[in-house]
Amino acid sequence: MAAVNCDEESNKPFCGSMGVQGFPTLKIVKPGKTKGKPMVEDYQGQRTAKAIVDAVVDKMPNHVKRIKDDGLDSWLSDANNSAKAILFSDKGTVSALLKALAIDYLGSISFAQVRKTEEKAVETFSVTKFPTMVLLPGGDKEGIAYDGEMKKAPMKDFLKQVAEPNPDVAPAAAKPSKSSTDKKKASKASKASSSFSKASASHSTADASSAATSGASETLDSEPTESPNPNVVTDDTPAPVTLKQTPMLPMLETEQALTQSCLNEKGHTCVLALLSSEANSEDALPESGQVLLKSLGDIASKHANRKLFPFYSIPTANELAAKLRSTLKLKGEGDVELIVTNGKRAWWKHYSGADYSESNVETWIDAIRMGEGQKEKLPEDLLGKAAPEAEKPKEQAQQPLDIKIEEIMEDGSARPMKEGEQPPLDIQVEEVQDHDEL
């Protein structure tokens, strides 16, 4: 991430082209499909370090393959002669560090991540601690375990055993030979000299004609004039383009989070997008998944000021997602799925269409709000227990009042009233509390 000071004159044209109007402004720039036309998004999240880092990490391209026991042999045999690196981790999500390494060695080393719950893979490589990286040089060469710090610099040194990282920038174009350069310079100089001679002759003729007409000599100002400010806004200046950022859906990464938010005996209606990746990352999703997330995000933003049931995304790392797919007979984790559940009334509904455009998804959600369409029975084994509500403190019984009635005599003294005695009209009633204050 780079910071640009828009107050500096040299940066103002750049900031203007980016549509910067207020400060601070954060923008995320990613390479686009067309060379020289990057994708620019306005960051609209919280202005905390963690929130900004999470947003940037989420936009990083993910070239790391998640491997399970049943897919390990296939991945190892594919391009067996090429180098591979496997990170054994106790986490389900791919870290920014591993994503960055996969980008640095894209095309030379294939990266994968295996969770410690995959017992076959862990046993195959005799992994005993997590995280652990194993480098496979390719062919019949034995794997090499990395035992250093999980930091980028030492890990790159370790990976250099089999390949060099990709350069940070593209190499500069080769400079033309000196003889060719000299010829071009001479040609430009000749043309410039010819143009200058013609311009001088024309200028002299014009000056002579002007002097003859006015009869006055013209004095040239020796001080150069200031160039016009390119950042001055006029009526003809086009308005900066405001890029709309689709809000990200809240993600339920763990089984407990999904159970407590939706799949419990008291759960209300929830719209769930079952992803085919570990995060809301456009680069890690097929096109259908990208369209679905954008549609749900735009719908949620449109209805932000009205009460609408929540939308959540569920990554494949959530173990309850696999149970949902198998129990409800949905597609495998290689495809995205859209469902709605209601734990309290034990029903669910499946979006069966293949088009996840905003208009189609919103029509389906509107039908749910209106109670239209057939609903399926939600199996009881998918519902967990709701978190117990905190007990409200019991109200304390009100203490009886200890009342003492006294008659105020003419001399100012007080005489206690006897039981049954009627008080005179002029009385004072005093409440004696437990702490003896009046």
Protein backbone atom coordinates (compact mmCIF):
# COMPACT_ATOMS: atom_id res chain seq x y z
CA MET A 1 0.00 0.00 0.00
CA ALA A 2 1.30 3.44 -0.90
CA ALA A 3 0.31 6.86 0.46
CA VAL A 4 0.08 9.92 -1.78
CA ASN A 5 0.06 13.47 -0.42
CA CYS A 6 -2.45 15.34 -2.59
CA ASP A 7 -1.34 18.69 -1.15
CA GLU A 8 1.90 18.50 -3.12
CA GLU A 9 1.71 20.23 -6.50
CA SER A 10 3.36 17.31 -8.29
CA ASN A 11 0.66 14.91 -7.06
CA LYS A 12 -2.39 17.08 -7.74
CA PRO A 13 -2.92 15.96 -11.38
CA PHE A 14 -2.78 12.32 -10.26
CA CYS A 15 -5.20 12.90 -7.37
CA GLY A 16 -7.56 14.77 -9.67
CA SER A 17 -7.58 11.91 -12.17
CA MET A 18 -8.45 9.52 -9.33
CA GLY A 19 -11.47 11.60 -8.32
CA VAL A 20 -10.10 12.54 -4.89
CA GLN A 21 -12.24 15.27 -3.32
CA GLY A 22 -11.94 14.77 0.45
CA PHE A 23 -9.22 13.78 2.85
CA PRO A 24 -8.31 11.21 3.88
CA THR A 25 -9.39 9.11 0.87
CA LEU A 26 -8.41 5.45 0.52
CA LYS A 27 -8.53 3.69 -2.84
CA ILE A 28 -7.70 0.08 -3.70
CA VAL A 29 -6.07 -0.35 -7.11
CA LYS A 30 -5.88 -3.78 -8.73
CA PRO A 31 -4.59 -4.85 -12.15
CA GLY A 32 -7.41 -4.91 -14.68
CA LYS A 33 -8.02 -7.29 -17.55
CA THR A 34 -6.84 -4.65 -20.02
CA LYS A 35 -3.22 -3.57 -19.73
CA GLY A 36 -2.88 0.01 -18.50
CA LYS A 37 -6.46 0.13 -17.17
CA PRO A 38 -6.40 -0.89 -13.50
CA MET A 39 -9.51 -1.48 -11.39
CA VAL A 40 -10.00 1.28 -8.78
CA GLU A 41 -12.36 0.91 -5.81
CA ASP A 42 -13.19 3.39 -3.08
CA TYR A 43 -12.61 2.02 0.42
CA GLN A 44 -15.67 2.74 2.54
CA GLY A 45 -14.97 0.59 5.58
CA GLN A 46 -13.80 1.53 9.06
CA ARG A 47 -10.69 3.73 9.36
CA THR A 48 -8.85 1.29 11.62
CA ALA A 49 -5.59 -0.45 10.74
CA LYS A 50 -7.15 -3.92 11.02
CA ALA A 51 -10.15 -3.08 8.85
CA ILE A 52 -7.96 -1.53 6.13
CA VAL A 53 -5.51 -4.45 6.16
CA ASP A 54 -8.37 -6.97 5.99
CA ALA A 55 -9.85 -5.15 2.99
CA VAL A 56 -6.53 -5.08 1.14
CA VAL A 57 -5.78 -8.74 1.92
CA ASP A 58 -9.22 -9.74 0.67
CA LYS A 59 -8.47 -8.12 -2.70
CA MET A 60 -5.17 -10.00 -3.15
CA PRO A 61 -5.28 -12.62 -5.93
CA ASN A 62 -5.35 -16.11 -4.40
CA HIS A 63 -3.24 -18.67 -6.29
CA VAL A 64 -3.10 -21.08 -3.34
CA LYS A 65 -4.89 -24.43 -3.78
CA ARG A 66 -6.73 -25.88 -0.77
CA ILE A 67 -5.99 -29.61 -0.67
CA LYS A 68 -7.88 -32.36 1.16
CA ASP A 69 -6.95 -35.99 1.67
CA ASP A 70 -8.95 -37.20 -1.32
CA GLY A 71 -7.30 -34.69 -3.67
CA LEU A 72 -3.69 -34.90 -2.50
CA ASP A 73 -2.51 -37.65 -4.88
CA SER A 74 -4.08 -35.96 -7.88
CA TRP A 75 -2.43 -32.62 -7.07
CA LEU A 76 0.98 -34.20 -6.50
CA SER A 77 0.88 -36.19 -9.73
CA ASP A 78 -0.18 -33.17 -11.81
CA ALA A 79 2.97 -31.64 -13.37
CA ASN A 80 5.12 -33.90 -11.20
CA ASN A 81 8.39 -32.42 -12.46
CA SER A 82 7.50 -28.90 -11.38
CA ALA A 83 8.24 -27.53 -7.90
CA LYS A 84 5.50 -27.42 -5.29
CA ALA A 85 5.18 -25.95 -1.78
CA ILE A 86 2.65 -27.13 0.81
CA LEU A 87 1.77 -25.23 3.98
CA PHE A 88 0.26 -27.41 6.73
CA SER A 89 -1.81 -25.13 8.94
CA ASP A 90 -4.36 -25.25 11.73
CA LYS A 91 -6.26 -22.41 10.07
CA GLY A 92 -8.82 -22.64 7.31
CA THR A 93 -8.18 -19.29 5.65
CA VAL A 94 -5.19 -18.50 3.43
CA SER A 95 -2.93 -15.88 4.99
CA ALA A 96 -1.73 -12.77 3.18
CA LEU A 97 1.84 -14.05 3.50
CA LEU A 98 1.11 -17.26 1.60
CA LYS A 99 -0.87 -15.37 -1.06
CA ALA A 100 2.07 -13.01 -1.54
CA LEU A 101 4.56 -15.88 -1.92
CA ALA A 102 2.30 -17.59 -4.46
CA ILE A 103 2.27 -14.36 -6.49
CA ASP A 104 6.06 -13.94 -6.24
CA TYR A 105 6.63 -17.48 -7.57
CA LEU A 106 3.66 -17.70 -9.93
CA GLY A 107 4.63 -19.91 -12.85
CA SER A 108 7.60 -21.54 -11.12
CA ILE A 109 6.25 -22.98 -7.82
CA SER A 110 2.71 -24.22 -7.18
CA PHE A 111 1.39 -23.50 -3.69
CA ALA A 112 -1.16 -25.42 -1.63
CA GLN A 113 -2.51 -25.34 1.92
CA VAL A 114 -3.59 -28.36 3.96
CA ARG A 115 -5.46 -28.20 7.27
CA LYS A 116 -4.23 -30.33 10.16
CA THR A 117 -7.57 -32.17 10.12
CA GLU A 118 -6.52 -33.90 6.88
CA GLU A 119 -4.92 -36.88 8.64
CA LYS A 120 -3.71 -38.73 5.53
CA ALA A 121 -1.78 -35.74 4.17
CA VAL A 122 -0.32 -34.89 7.59
CA GLU A 123 0.84 -38.49 8.08
CA THR A 124 2.26 -38.72 4.54
CA PHE A 125 4.66 -35.83 5.18
CA SER A 126 5.23 -36.66 8.90
CA VAL A 127 4.12 -33.20 10.00
CA THR A 128 3.97 -32.77 13.78
CA LYS A 129 3.69 -29.02 14.28
CA PHE A 130 1.63 -26.29 12.66
CA PRO A 131 2.30 -24.27 10.64
CA THR A 132 4.92 -26.24 8.66
CA MET A 133 5.98 -25.69 5.04
CA VAL A 134 7.28 -28.55 2.88
CA LEU A 135 9.06 -27.80 -0.41
CA LEU A 136 8.90 -30.45 -3.15
CA PRO A 137 11.63 -29.72 -5.74
CA GLY A 138 9.92 -31.95 -8.33
CA GLY A 139 10.47 -35.36 -9.87
CA ASP A 140 11.94 -37.99 -7.55
CA LYS A 141 13.66 -35.49 -5.26
CA GLU A 142 12.74 -35.69 -1.59
CA GLY A 143 10.74 -32.97 0.10
CA ILE A 144 12.48 -30.34 2.27
CA ALA A 145 10.85 -29.09 5.47
CA TYR A 146 11.20 -25.40 6.33
CA ASP A 147 12.11 -24.82 9.98
CA GLY A 148 12.66 -21.04 10.00
CA GLU A 149 10.44 -18.09 10.94
CA MET A 150 7.14 -17.67 9.14
CA LYS A 151 8.27 -14.38 7.59
CA LYS A 152 8.50 -13.46 3.94
CA ALA A 153 12.24 -12.73 3.62
CA PRO A 154 13.57 -16.01 5.11
CA MET A 155 10.86 -18.02 3.37
CA LYS A 156 11.84 -16.52 0.00
CA ASP A 157 15.47 -17.45 0.68
CA PHE A 158 14.30 -20.99 1.39
CA LEU A 159 12.27 -21.19 -1.83
CA LYS A 160 15.20 -19.88 -3.89
CA GLN A 161 16.61 -23.42 -3.73
CA VAL A 162 14.34 -24.32 -6.64
CA ALA A 163 13.36 -21.00 -8.30
CA GLU A 164 13.94 -17.27 -8.31
CA PRO A 165 11.01 -14.96 -7.46
CA ASN A 166 9.33 -12.99 -10.22
CA PRO A 167 10.62 -9.42 -10.67
CA ASP A 168 8.58 -6.69 -8.99
CA VAL A 169 8.41 -4.61 -12.19
CA ALA A 170 8.67 -5.46 -15.86
CA PRO A 171 12.16 -4.98 -17.38
CA ALA A 172 12.70 -1.72 -19.19
CA ALA A 173 12.57 -1.78 -22.97
CA ALA A 174 15.96 -2.13 -24.66
CA LYS A 175 17.49 1.19 -25.64
CA PRO A 176 18.20 1.69 -29.36
CA SER A 177 21.80 1.58 -30.50
CA LYS A 178 23.89 4.76 -30.36
CA SER A 179 24.14 5.06 -34.12
CA SER A 180 20.37 4.77 -34.48
CA THR A 181 19.84 7.33 -31.73
CA ASP A 182 22.27 9.77 -33.34
CA LYS A 183 20.46 9.45 -36.69
CA LYS A 184 17.08 10.15 -35.05
CA LYS A 185 18.50 13.16 -33.18
CA ALA A 186 20.04 14.53 -36.36
CA SER A 187 16.77 14.06 -38.25
CA LYS A 188 14.78 15.80 -35.47
CA ALA A 189 17.33 18.63 -35.33
CA SER A 190 17.13 19.14 -39.10
CA LYS A 191 13.33 19.28 -39.03
CA ALA A 192 13.35 21.62 -36.05
CA SER A 193 15.85 23.94 -37.75
CA SER A 194 13.75 24.08 -40.90
CA SER A 195 10.56 24.77 -38.94
CA PHE A 196 12.32 27.44 -36.89
CA SER A 197 13.58 29.21 -40.03
CA LYS A 198 10.11 29.29 -41.57
CA ALA A 199 8.56 30.51 -38.32
CA SER A 200 11.21 33.23 -37.94
CA ALA A 201 10.61 34.53 -41.46
CA SER A 202 6.87 34.59 -40.96
CA HIS A 203 7.25 36.29 -37.59
CA SER A 204 9.55 38.99 -39.03
CA THR A 205 7.08 39.80 -41.80
CA ALA A 206 4.23 40.06 -39.30
CA ASP A 207 6.28 42.33 -37.01
CA ALA A 208 7.20 44.65 -39.88
CA SER A 209 3.59 44.92 -40.99
CA SER A 210 2.42 45.61 -37.45
CA ALA A 211 5.09 48.28 -36.86
CA ALA A 212 4.21 50.04 -40.06
CA THR A 213 0.53 50.12 -39.15
CA SER A 214 0.84 51.29 -35.56
CA GLY A 215 3.94 53.43 -35.89
CA ALA A 216 5.07 52.24 -32.45
CA SER A 217 7.77 49.87 -31.38
CA GLU A 218 6.89 46.72 -29.39
CA THR A 219 8.88 45.81 -26.26
CA LEU A 220 9.00 42.13 -25.26
CA ASP A 221 8.72 41.27 -21.56
CA SER A 222 11.91 39.55 -20.46
CA GLU A 223 10.19 37.73 -17.54
CA PRO A 224 8.42 34.46 -18.43
CA THR A 225 4.69 34.28 -17.67
CA GLU A 226 3.35 31.72 -15.24
CA SER A 227 1.76 28.62 -16.78
CA PRO A 228 -1.96 28.20 -16.08
CA ASN A 229 -2.83 25.96 -13.11
CA PRO A 230 -4.09 22.65 -14.53
CA ASN A 231 -6.08 22.01 -11.33
CA VAL A 232 -8.38 25.05 -11.61
CA VAL A 233 -11.99 23.84 -11.81
CA THR A 234 -14.12 25.62 -14.43
CA ASP A 235 -17.60 25.06 -15.84
CA ASP A 236 -16.07 22.88 -18.57
CA THR A 237 -14.16 20.65 -16.12
CA PRO A 238 -15.76 17.17 -16.13
CA ALA A 239 -16.99 15.94 -12.77
CA PRO A 240 -14.89 13.19 -11.17
CA VAL A 241 -16.27 9.69 -11.53
CA THR A 242 -17.61 8.27 -8.27
CA LEU A 243 -17.03 4.53 -8.12
CA LYS A 244 -19.68 2.55 -6.26
CA GLN A 245 -18.25 -0.13 -3.99
CA THR A 246 -20.37 -3.19 -3.34
CA PRO A 247 -20.48 -3.84 0.42
CA MET A 248 -19.04 -7.16 1.54
CA LEU A 249 -21.37 -9.66 3.17
CA PRO A 250 -20.73 -10.66 6.80
CA MET A 251 -18.97 -14.03 6.78
CA LEU A 252 -19.75 -16.87 9.18
CA GLU A 253 -16.40 -18.68 9.21
CA THR A 254 -17.06 -21.22 11.97
CA GLU A 255 -19.73 -23.79 12.72
CA GLN A 256 -20.54 -22.05 16.00
CA ALA A 257 -21.05 -18.68 14.28
CA LEU A 258 -23.43 -20.21 11.72
CA THR A 259 -25.35 -22.10 14.41
CA GLN A 260 -25.78 -19.12 16.72
CA SER A 261 -26.66 -16.68 13.90
CA CYS A 262 -29.11 -18.84 11.94
CA LEU A 263 -29.21 -22.62 12.42
CA ASN A 264 -30.70 -22.91 15.89
CA GLU A 265 -34.15 -23.60 17.32
CA LYS A 266 -34.78 -19.86 17.77
CA GLY A 267 -33.10 -18.67 14.56
CA HIS A 268 -34.90 -16.22 12.29
CA THR A 269 -34.81 -16.03 8.50
CA CYS A 270 -31.27 -15.93 7.03
CA VAL A 271 -30.08 -15.75 3.42
CA LEU A 272 -26.94 -17.88 3.05
CA ALA A 273 -24.49 -17.82 0.13
CA LEU A 274 -22.46 -21.05 0.24
CA LEU A 275 -19.16 -20.16 -1.42
CA SER A 276 -16.76 -22.34 -3.35
CA SER A 277 -13.75 -20.69 -1.70
CA GLU A 278 -12.51 -19.59 1.71
CA ALA A 279 -13.36 -15.90 1.47
CA ASN A 280 -15.34 -13.19 -0.34
CA SER A 281 -12.48 -12.93 -2.82
CA GLU A 282 -13.43 -12.25 -6.43
CA ASP A 283 -10.25 -13.91 -7.64
CA ALA A 284 -10.98 -17.12 -5.73
CA LEU A 285 -14.57 -17.45 -6.98
CA PRO A 286 -15.99 -18.49 -10.35
CA GLU A 287 -17.91 -15.88 -12.29
CA SER A 288 -21.25 -17.09 -10.90
CA GLY A 289 -19.96 -16.59 -7.34
CA GLN A 290 -18.73 -13.07 -8.11
CA VAL A 291 -22.12 -12.14 -9.57
CA LEU A 292 -23.96 -13.62 -6.56
CA LEU A 293 -21.89 -11.73 -3.97
CA LYS A 294 -22.27 -8.47 -5.87
CA SER A 295 -26.04 -8.93 -6.21
CA LEU A 296 -26.54 -9.70 -2.51
CA GLY A 297 -24.27 -6.82 -1.48
CA ASP A 298 -26.16 -4.34 -3.68
CA ILE A 299 -29.54 -5.58 -2.43
CA ALA A 300 -28.42 -5.30 1.20
CA SER A 301 -27.15 -1.76 0.54
CA LYS A 302 -30.40 -0.78 -1.18
CA HIS A 303 -32.47 -1.93 1.81
CA ALA A 304 -30.07 -0.67 4.49
CA ASN A 305 -32.68 1.74 5.93
CA ARG A 306 -35.43 -0.86 6.23
CA LYS A 307 -35.68 -4.05 8.25
CA LEU A 308 -34.63 -6.94 6.03
CA PHE A 309 -33.43 -10.37 7.11
CA PRO A 310 -29.63 -10.70 7.15
CA PHE A 311 -27.41 -11.97 4.33
CA TYR A 312 -24.34 -14.06 5.15
CA SER A 313 -21.59 -15.78 3.15
CA ILE A 314 -20.34 -19.22 4.22
CA PRO A 315 -16.80 -20.29 3.15
CA THR A 316 -15.86 -23.89 2.51
CA ALA A 317 -13.63 -23.78 5.60
CA ASN A 318 -16.81 -23.78 7.72
CA GLU A 319 -17.33 -27.49 8.44
CA LEU A 320 -21.09 -27.04 8.80
CA ALA A 321 -21.24 -25.89 5.17
CA ALA A 322 -20.32 -29.39 3.96
CA LYS A 323 -23.04 -30.89 6.18
CA LEU A 324 -25.56 -28.41 4.77
CA ARG A 325 -24.68 -29.37 1.21
CA SER A 326 -24.90 -33.12 1.81
CA THR A 327 -28.03 -33.09 4.02
CA LEU A 328 -29.97 -30.73 1.73
CA LYS A 329 -28.62 -32.53 -1.38
CA LEU A 330 -27.03 -29.42 -2.85
CA LYS A 331 -24.10 -29.24 -5.26
CA GLY A 332 -20.51 -29.90 -4.14
CA GLU A 333 -18.23 -27.23 -2.74
CA GLY A 334 -16.92 -26.45 -6.22
CA ASP A 335 -20.15 -24.53 -6.92
CA VAL A 336 -21.85 -21.61 -5.20
CA GLU A 337 -25.32 -22.13 -3.72
CA LEU A 338 -27.98 -19.71 -2.45
CA ILE A 339 -30.46 -20.81 0.22
CA VAL A 340 -32.67 -19.25 2.88
CA THR A 341 -33.31 -20.86 6.29
CA ASN A 342 -35.58 -20.29 9.27
CA GLY A 343 -34.54 -22.27 12.34
CA LYS A 344 -37.49 -21.26 14.53
CA ARG A 345 -40.05 -22.56 12.05
CA ALA A 346 -37.71 -25.26 10.68
CA TRP A 347 -37.99 -24.53 6.95
CA TRP A 348 -35.62 -23.76 4.11
CA LYS A 349 -35.79 -22.78 0.46
CA HIS A 350 -33.33 -23.18 -2.43
CA TYR A 351 -32.59 -20.73 -5.25
CA SER A 352 -32.70 -23.11 -8.20
CA GLY A 353 -31.88 -20.66 -10.97
CA ALA A 354 -28.50 -20.36 -12.67
CA ASP A 355 -28.69 -16.58 -13.19
CA TYR A 356 -27.54 -14.70 -10.06
CA SER A 357 -28.19 -11.22 -11.45
CA GLU A 358 -29.44 -8.61 -8.99
CA SER A 359 -32.95 -8.42 -10.48
CA ASN A 360 -33.48 -12.21 -10.37
CA VAL A 361 -32.11 -12.61 -6.84
CA GLU A 362 -34.13 -9.65 -5.55
CA THR A 363 -37.32 -11.11 -7.09
CA TRP A 364 -36.63 -14.39 -5.28
CA ILE A 365 -36.05 -12.57 -1.98
CA ASP A 366 -39.22 -10.49 -2.42
CA ALA A 367 -41.20 -13.72 -2.86
CA ILE A 368 -39.78 -14.99 0.44
CA ARG A 369 -40.78 -11.76 2.19
CA MET A 370 -44.32 -12.17 0.85
CA GLY A 371 -44.47 -15.82 1.96
CA GLU A 372 -44.79 -17.09 -1.59
CA GLY A 373 -43.47 -20.35 -2.95
CA GLN A 374 -43.06 -23.82 -1.47
CA LYS A 375 -40.76 -24.31 1.51
CA GLU A 376 -38.93 -27.49 2.48
CA LYS A 377 -38.70 -29.02 5.95
CA LEU A 378 -35.35 -28.18 7.58
CA PRO A 379 -33.85 -31.39 9.09
CA GLU A 380 -33.55 -31.27 12.87
CA ASP A 381 -29.96 -32.51 12.88
CA LEU A 382 -28.89 -29.22 11.22
CA LEU A 383 -30.23 -27.16 14.11
CA GLY A 384 -28.15 -26.53 17.20
CA LYS A 385 -28.95 -25.01 20.53
CA ALA A 386 -29.36 -21.25 20.78
CA ALA A 387 -27.07 -19.41 23.16
CA PRO A 388 -28.75 -19.09 26.57
CA GLU A 389 -30.12 -15.65 27.35
CA ALA A 390 -28.67 -13.83 30.31
CA GLU A 391 -30.93 -14.06 33.37
CA LYS A 392 -32.50 -10.81 34.47
CA PRO A 393 -31.80 -9.82 38.09
CA LYS A 394 -34.75 -10.38 40.41
CA GLU A 395 -36.43 -7.29 41.78
CA GLN A 396 -35.79 -6.77 45.44
CA ALA A 397 -38.80 -6.74 47.71
CA GLN A 398 -39.65 -3.23 48.87
CA GLN A 399 -38.76 -2.64 52.50
CA PRO A 400 -41.64 -1.51 54.73
CA LEU A 401 -41.56 2.08 55.89
CA ASP A 402 -40.82 2.78 59.50
CA ILE A 403 -43.04 5.83 60.19
CA LYS A 404 -42.93 7.86 63.40
CA ILE A 405 -45.50 10.60 64.07
CA GLU A 406 -44.66 13.41 66.46
CA GLU A 407 -46.63 16.42 67.64
CA ILE A 408 -44.76 19.72 67.53
CA MET A 409 -45.45 21.66 70.73
CA GLU A 410 -45.67 25.47 71.01
CA ASP A 411 -42.17 25.66 72.53
CA GLY A 412 -40.73 23.79 69.53
CA SER A 413 -40.29 20.45 71.27
CA ALA A 414 -41.62 17.21 69.77
CA ARG A 415 -43.93 14.83 71.61
CA PRO A 416 -44.29 11.27 70.28
CA MET A 417 -47.88 10.34 69.49
CA LYS A 418 -49.38 7.39 71.34
CA GLU A 419 -50.93 4.49 69.44
CA GLY A 420 -54.56 5.28 68.58
CA GLU A 421 -54.18 8.99 69.39
CA GLN A 422 -55.52 11.32 66.65
CA PRO A 423 -52.86 13.81 65.45
CA PRO A 424 -53.65 17.52 65.37
CA LEU A 425 -53.92 19.33 62.05
CA ASP A 426 -50.40 20.79 62.24
CA ILE A 427 -48.21 17.67 61.99
CA GLN A 428 -44.90 16.68 60.45
CA VAL A 429 -44.45 13.17 59.08
CA GLU A 430 -40.88 11.93 59.10
CA GLU A 431 -39.67 8.80 57.28
CA VAL A 432 -36.91 7.03 59.15
CA GLN A 433 -34.81 5.06 56.73
CA ASP A 434 -32.37 2.27 57.41
CA HIS A 435 -29.37 4.61 57.24
CA ASP A 436 -30.95 7.04 59.77
CA GLU A 437 -31.16 9.96 57.37
CA LEU A 438 -34.26 12.14 57.25
